[in-house]
Amino acid sequence: MNFQQLRSVREAQRRGFNLTEVAQALHTSQPGVSRQIRELEEELGIELFVRVGKRLTGLTEPGEQVLPIVERLLQEAENLKRAADDFASAGSGRLRIAATHSQARYALPPAVRDFRAHHPDVSLHLQQGSPQQIARLLLDGEADVGIATEALAQYCYRWTHAVVVPPDHPLLVSGEPLTLARLAQFPIITYEPGYTGRSHIDEAFAAAQLTPHIVLSAMDADVIKTYVELGLGVGIVASIAFDEERDRHLRALDARHLFEDNMTRLAVRRSAFLRDYIYEFIQTFASPLRREVVDAARHELPIVSTEPVLAWSRAA
């Protein structure tokens, strides 16, 4: 049994049993992948995959039981390497952060700036994606820290939405209080479903028995604001996405009384070994999350699902 065999089995399951993709991911040949899988199956005395001819189509019942063990073995091998690196090359290495666009654009820059000032020898790799993609990157061991508003669970910090309009918009010049009923009278531009608190926007209108006229949705607050400037509608964005200097052609109306507060989650894989500088980045981003707080949360929370992701909060 060797790690290449284990990686071949894991990647086959991750990549939908497509051995061509597995070979590309592992920088080897498709026949090589097939051989590694077969050799492991022969050593274990069981078949891990269902086959139709030479094609893999799924996991056998033994395969379903064995795959979590394979994942743990490979995770612990990675942890061993990280632990050694922490002693052999303290202060240098790589930090992989997966975040949604809004978090990468508006929440992360101050933390990244401060972290880089103290850790110039750590290379930062920022990956952007949907909340679901971020969770997957964590689970697959391809990110060290995940930051998102949706999909990651349990602990978080709070933020609110704002309504953005041109300076001469009726919502601004009338002087009347901002309500959902007034907001629903105008075309609305906001986030795609599943992004940046969109669910709370939909829930608020539904609870008020109102149907908003959403004319455009996007993943990016800058895109939303661009189309608001063009006069296509009223924007609903994360309040942190509005900057008076940068967005001087727009005005923001506080909407915290209209929509439920939103949560930003910071998460790591529970079984991962965290190098010292990862703890330090977490505390830079969320100052109450000292190392002992992180470790206590990782070890004390019960595992209640098959997705070993742990998330926690910082103060607003």
Protein backbone atom coordinates (compact mmCIF):
# COMPACT_ATOMS: atom_id res chain seq x y z
CA MET A 1 0.00 0.00 0.00
CA ASN A 2 1.34 3.47 -0.87
CA PHE A 3 0.15 7.05 -0.98
CA GLN A 4 -0.10 7.13 -4.77
CA GLN A 5 -2.64 4.30 -4.60
CA LEU A 6 -4.61 6.14 -1.93
CA ARG A 7 -4.55 9.39 -3.92
CA SER A 8 -5.76 7.58 -7.03
CA VAL A 9 -8.71 6.14 -5.13
CA ARG A 10 -9.59 9.47 -3.52
CA GLU A 11 -9.37 11.45 -6.74
CA ALA A 12 -11.46 8.88 -8.60
CA GLN A 13 -14.30 9.49 -6.17
CA ARG A 14 -13.81 13.27 -6.13
CA ARG A 15 -13.79 13.58 -9.91
CA GLY A 16 -16.89 11.57 -10.62
CA PHE A 17 -14.97 8.38 -11.51
CA ASN A 18 -13.49 10.04 -14.61
CA LEU A 19 -10.02 8.51 -14.82
CA THR A 20 -8.88 10.99 -17.46
CA GLU A 21 -9.46 13.85 -15.01
CA VAL A 22 -7.84 11.82 -12.21
CA ALA A 23 -4.73 11.30 -14.32
CA GLN A 24 -4.54 15.02 -15.10
CA ALA A 25 -4.92 15.93 -11.43
CA LEU A 26 -2.20 13.51 -10.37
CA HIS A 27 0.10 14.29 -13.34
CA THR A 28 0.21 10.71 -14.49
CA SER A 29 -1.39 8.48 -17.13
CA GLN A 30 -4.85 6.93 -17.14
CA PRO A 31 -3.43 3.37 -17.32
CA GLY A 32 -1.22 4.28 -14.36
CA VAL A 33 -4.24 5.38 -12.33
CA SER A 34 -6.12 2.19 -13.19
CA ARG A 35 -3.11 0.11 -12.17
CA GLN A 36 -2.76 1.91 -8.83
CA ILE A 37 -6.44 1.34 -8.02
CA ARG A 38 -6.31 -2.32 -9.03
CA GLU A 39 -3.17 -2.97 -6.99
CA LEU A 40 -4.78 -1.48 -3.88
CA GLU A 41 -7.96 -3.50 -4.41
CA GLU A 42 -5.90 -6.68 -4.78
CA GLU A 43 -3.95 -5.93 -1.63
CA LEU A 44 -7.13 -5.25 0.36
CA GLY A 45 -8.96 -8.18 -1.18
CA ILE A 46 -12.07 -6.13 -2.06
CA GLU A 47 -13.36 -4.12 -5.00
CA LEU A 48 -13.76 -0.44 -4.17
CA PHE A 49 -15.48 0.63 -7.39
CA VAL A 50 -18.42 -0.53 -9.46
CA ARG A 51 -17.30 -1.11 -13.06
CA VAL A 52 -19.02 -1.28 -16.40
CA GLY A 53 -16.39 -2.72 -18.67
CA LYS A 54 -13.25 -0.70 -17.92
CA ARG A 55 -15.21 2.33 -16.77
CA LEU A 56 -15.75 3.21 -13.09
CA THR A 57 -19.34 4.15 -12.34
CA GLY A 58 -19.56 4.33 -8.55
CA LEU A 59 -18.42 3.01 -5.19
CA THR A 60 -19.14 -0.51 -4.00
CA GLU A 61 -20.45 -0.99 -0.45
CA PRO A 62 -16.91 -1.78 0.80
CA GLY A 63 -15.71 1.28 -1.12
CA GLU A 64 -18.20 3.49 0.75
CA GLN A 65 -16.71 2.26 4.03
CA VAL A 66 -13.07 2.51 2.95
CA LEU A 67 -13.09 5.99 1.36
CA PRO A 68 -13.40 7.92 4.68
CA ILE A 69 -10.38 5.96 5.98
CA VAL A 70 -8.42 6.84 2.84
CA GLU A 71 -9.32 10.51 3.37
CA ARG A 72 -8.10 10.39 6.97
CA LEU A 73 -4.83 8.70 6.04
CA LEU A 74 -4.05 11.31 3.40
CA GLN A 75 -5.10 14.15 5.70
CA GLU A 76 -2.80 12.88 8.45
CA ALA A 77 0.06 12.56 5.95
CA GLU A 78 -0.47 16.21 5.02
CA ASN A 79 -0.67 17.13 8.71
CA LEU A 80 2.66 15.37 9.31
CA LYS A 81 4.31 17.38 6.56
CA ARG A 82 2.84 20.64 7.87
CA ALA A 83 3.98 19.89 11.42
CA ALA A 84 7.52 19.26 10.16
CA ASP A 85 7.43 22.44 8.07
CA ASP A 86 6.34 24.42 11.12
CA PHE A 87 9.62 23.53 12.82
CA ALA A 88 11.91 23.37 9.79
CA SER A 89 10.74 26.60 8.13
CA ALA A 90 9.04 28.64 10.82
CA GLY A 91 7.60 31.88 9.50
CA SER A 92 7.57 30.87 5.86
CA GLY A 93 5.17 28.84 3.77
CA ARG A 94 1.86 29.16 1.96
CA LEU A 95 -1.56 30.27 3.18
CA ARG A 96 -4.56 29.39 1.00
CA ILE A 97 -7.67 31.49 1.63
CA ALA A 98 -10.96 30.75 -0.09
CA ALA A 99 -13.50 33.58 0.01
CA THR A 100 -16.51 34.94 -1.79
CA HIS A 101 -15.97 37.99 -3.97
CA SER A 102 -17.54 40.36 -1.44
CA GLN A 103 -15.33 39.09 1.37
CA ALA A 104 -12.21 39.17 -0.81
CA ARG A 105 -13.01 42.67 -2.07
CA TYR A 106 -14.23 44.39 1.08
CA ALA A 107 -13.55 42.44 4.30
CA LEU A 108 -10.17 40.80 3.67
CA PRO A 109 -7.86 43.61 2.47
CA PRO A 110 -7.10 45.13 5.92
CA ALA A 111 -6.38 41.69 7.39
CA VAL A 112 -4.20 40.69 4.43
CA ARG A 113 -2.27 43.99 4.62
CA ASP A 114 -1.60 43.61 8.36
CA PHE A 115 -0.72 39.93 8.06
CA ARG A 116 1.73 40.56 5.20
CA ALA A 117 3.47 43.24 7.25
CA HIS A 118 4.30 40.68 9.93
CA HIS A 119 4.76 37.62 7.71
CA PRO A 120 6.58 38.70 4.54
CA ASP A 121 7.81 35.15 3.87
CA VAL A 122 4.34 33.61 3.75
CA SER A 123 2.86 33.55 0.24
CA LEU A 124 -0.87 34.15 0.13
CA HIS A 125 -3.10 32.38 -2.38
CA LEU A 126 -6.61 33.83 -2.59
CA GLN A 127 -9.27 31.72 -4.28
CA GLN A 128 -12.71 33.15 -4.99
CA GLY A 129 -15.85 31.14 -5.39
CA SER A 130 -19.40 30.55 -4.28
CA PRO A 131 -20.05 29.56 -0.65
CA GLN A 132 -20.60 25.97 -1.76
CA GLN A 133 -17.31 25.96 -3.68
CA ILE A 134 -15.50 27.34 -0.63
CA ALA A 135 -16.89 24.57 1.57
CA ARG A 136 -15.76 22.02 -1.01
CA LEU A 137 -12.25 23.49 -1.16
CA LEU A 138 -11.97 23.16 2.62
CA LEU A 139 -13.26 19.60 2.62
CA ASP A 140 -10.90 18.62 -0.18
CA GLY A 141 -7.92 20.13 1.64
CA GLU A 142 -7.35 22.70 -1.09
CA ALA A 143 -7.86 25.72 1.21
CA ASP A 144 -6.64 26.43 4.73
CA VAL A 145 -9.24 29.05 5.67
CA GLY A 146 -12.68 29.66 4.17
CA ILE A 147 -14.66 32.90 4.48
CA ALA A 148 -18.24 33.16 3.24
CA THR A 149 -21.71 34.38 4.14
CA GLU A 150 -23.60 31.22 3.19
CA ALA A 151 -22.89 27.45 3.38
CA LEU A 152 -20.41 27.56 6.28
CA ALA A 153 -22.19 27.19 9.59
CA GLN A 154 -22.29 27.78 13.36
CA TYR A 155 -20.21 30.87 14.29
CA CYS A 156 -20.01 34.23 12.59
CA TYR A 157 -19.87 38.00 12.73
CA ARG A 158 -22.81 40.19 11.74
CA TRP A 159 -23.25 42.73 8.97
CA THR A 160 -26.18 44.49 7.35
CA HIS A 161 -27.46 45.53 3.94
CA ALA A 162 -27.72 49.02 2.50
CA VAL A 163 -29.87 50.41 -0.30
CA VAL A 164 -27.90 52.40 -2.87
CA VAL A 165 -29.50 54.97 -5.19
CA PRO A 166 -28.50 57.93 -7.37
CA PRO A 167 -28.44 61.30 -5.54
CA ASP A 168 -31.77 62.45 -7.02
CA HIS A 169 -33.72 59.23 -6.42
CA PRO A 170 -37.24 59.54 -4.93
CA LEU A 171 -36.32 57.24 -2.03
CA LEU A 172 -33.71 59.77 -1.00
CA VAL A 173 -35.30 63.14 -1.73
CA SER A 174 -38.79 62.50 -0.36
CA GLY A 175 -37.59 62.37 3.23
CA GLU A 176 -39.99 59.54 4.03
CA PRO A 177 -38.77 56.52 6.04
CA LEU A 178 -37.41 53.61 4.01
CA THR A 179 -39.86 50.70 4.06
CA LEU A 180 -40.16 47.44 2.16
CA ALA A 181 -43.39 48.67 0.60
CA ARG A 182 -41.68 51.78 -0.79
CA LEU A 183 -38.69 49.75 -1.92
CA ALA A 184 -40.92 47.29 -3.76
CA GLN A 185 -42.24 50.14 -5.94
CA PHE A 186 -38.90 50.33 -7.79
CA PRO A 187 -36.89 47.89 -9.93
CA ILE A 188 -34.27 46.21 -7.75
CA ILE A 189 -30.71 45.14 -8.49
CA THR A 190 -29.11 42.81 -5.95
CA TYR A 191 -27.13 39.64 -5.40
CA GLU A 192 -27.63 36.26 -7.03
CA PRO A 193 -29.48 33.71 -4.88
CA GLY A 194 -27.01 32.03 -2.51
CA TYR A 195 -24.70 35.06 -2.32
CA THR A 196 -24.11 37.77 0.26
CA GLY A 197 -27.32 37.49 2.28
CA ARG A 198 -29.72 37.29 -0.67
CA SER A 199 -31.85 34.79 1.28
CA HIS A 200 -32.58 37.41 3.95
CA ILE A 201 -33.68 39.89 1.28
CA ASP A 202 -36.09 37.37 -0.21
CA GLU A 203 -37.40 36.33 3.20
CA ALA A 204 -38.10 39.93 4.25
CA PHE A 205 -40.21 40.65 1.17
CA ALA A 206 -42.02 37.31 1.47
CA ALA A 207 -42.85 37.95 5.13
CA ALA A 208 -44.31 41.35 4.14
CA GLN A 209 -46.29 39.62 1.35
CA LEU A 210 -44.51 41.73 -1.25
CA THR A 211 -43.01 40.63 -4.55
CA PRO A 212 -39.91 42.67 -5.43
CA HIS A 213 -39.26 43.41 -9.10
CA ILE A 214 -35.66 42.18 -9.37
CA VAL A 215 -34.47 43.26 -12.80
CA LEU A 216 -30.84 42.21 -12.47
CA SER A 217 -28.82 40.03 -10.10
CA ALA A 218 -25.05 39.65 -9.81
CA MET A 219 -22.40 38.15 -7.56
CA ASP A 220 -20.41 41.38 -7.30
CA ALA A 221 -21.45 44.54 -5.45
CA ASP A 222 -19.39 46.68 -7.85
CA VAL A 223 -21.44 45.32 -10.75
CA ILE A 224 -24.66 46.08 -8.87
CA LYS A 225 -23.56 49.65 -8.18
CA THR A 226 -22.55 50.15 -11.81
CA TYR A 227 -26.07 49.36 -13.01
CA VAL A 228 -27.60 51.51 -10.29
CA GLU A 229 -25.52 54.41 -11.63
CA LEU A 230 -26.93 53.68 -15.09
CA GLY A 231 -30.44 54.14 -13.72
CA LEU A 232 -31.59 50.53 -14.10
CA GLY A 233 -32.87 50.24 -10.55
CA VAL A 234 -32.31 50.49 -6.81
CA GLY A 235 -29.38 48.47 -5.44
CA ILE A 236 -29.34 46.33 -2.32
CA VAL A 237 -25.75 45.54 -1.32
CA ALA A 238 -23.72 44.64 1.75
CA SER A 239 -23.16 47.80 3.76
CA ILE A 240 -19.38 47.18 3.75
CA ALA A 241 -19.47 47.36 -0.06
CA PHE A 242 -20.38 51.07 -0.05
CA ASP A 243 -17.60 53.62 0.26
CA GLU A 244 -18.55 57.32 0.20
CA GLU A 245 -15.34 58.39 -1.52
CA ARG A 246 -15.25 55.65 -4.13
CA ASP A 247 -19.02 55.66 -4.71
CA ARG A 248 -19.47 59.43 -4.73
CA HIS A 249 -22.04 59.23 -7.55
CA LEU A 250 -24.35 57.17 -5.33
CA ARG A 251 -25.97 57.51 -1.92
CA ALA A 252 -26.58 54.79 0.66
CA LEU A 253 -29.65 54.30 2.82
CA ASP A 254 -29.35 52.21 5.97
CA ALA A 255 -31.51 49.10 5.53
CA ARG A 256 -30.67 47.22 8.71
CA HIS A 257 -34.25 47.64 9.93
CA LEU A 258 -35.63 45.97 6.79
CA PHE A 259 -33.51 42.84 6.51
CA GLU A 260 -32.23 40.37 9.07
CA ASP A 261 -28.56 40.72 9.99
CA ASN A 262 -26.23 38.56 7.93
CA MET A 263 -23.44 36.32 9.10
CA THR A 264 -19.93 35.99 7.74
CA ARG A 265 -18.37 32.65 8.59
CA LEU A 266 -14.69 31.85 8.94
CA ALA A 267 -13.97 28.14 8.75
CA VAL A 268 -11.20 25.57 8.73
CA ARG A 269 -11.22 21.83 8.30
CA ARG A 270 -11.43 20.36 11.78
CA SER A 271 -8.87 17.62 11.22
CA ALA A 272 -6.26 19.85 9.53
CA PHE A 273 -2.99 20.76 11.20
CA LEU A 274 -2.86 24.55 11.40
CA ARG A 275 0.57 26.10 11.12
CA ASP A 276 1.39 28.95 13.49
CA TYR A 277 0.90 31.63 10.86
CA ILE A 278 -2.61 30.31 10.07
CA TYR A 279 -3.63 30.92 13.67
CA GLU A 280 -2.09 34.39 13.41
CA PHE A 281 -4.00 35.20 10.22
CA ILE A 282 -7.26 34.09 11.85
CA GLN A 283 -6.63 36.40 14.79
CA THR A 284 -5.67 39.23 12.43
CA PHE A 285 -8.99 38.83 10.63
CA ALA A 286 -11.01 38.27 13.83
CA SER A 287 -9.11 39.54 16.87
CA PRO A 288 -11.05 37.60 19.57
CA LEU A 289 -10.07 34.31 17.94
CA ARG A 290 -6.86 33.62 19.78
CA ARG A 291 -5.16 30.28 19.31
CA GLU A 292 -6.60 28.81 22.51
CA VAL A 293 -10.12 29.86 21.48
CA VAL A 294 -9.71 28.25 18.07
CA ASP A 295 -8.33 25.02 19.51
CA ALA A 296 -11.05 24.83 22.14
CA ALA A 297 -13.72 25.24 19.49
CA ARG A 298 -12.12 22.66 17.19
CA HIS A 299 -11.81 20.01 19.87
CA GLU A 300 -14.95 20.57 21.92
CA LEU A 301 -17.63 20.84 19.24
CA PRO A 302 -19.25 17.49 18.48
CA ILE A 303 -19.05 16.20 14.93
CA VAL A 304 -22.67 16.27 13.78
CA SER A 305 -22.21 15.73 10.04
CA THR A 306 -19.95 14.02 7.55
CA GLU A 307 -18.52 17.40 6.52
CA PRO A 308 -15.65 18.08 8.97
CA VAL A 309 -15.68 21.85 8.65
CA LEU A 310 -15.53 23.99 11.77
CA ALA A 311 -16.57 27.63 11.64
CA TRP A 312 -16.55 30.36 14.26
CA SER A 313 -17.13 34.07 14.72
CA ARG A 314 -15.58 37.43 15.21
CA ALA A 315 -17.26 40.47 16.73
CA ALA A 316 -18.98 42.90 14.39
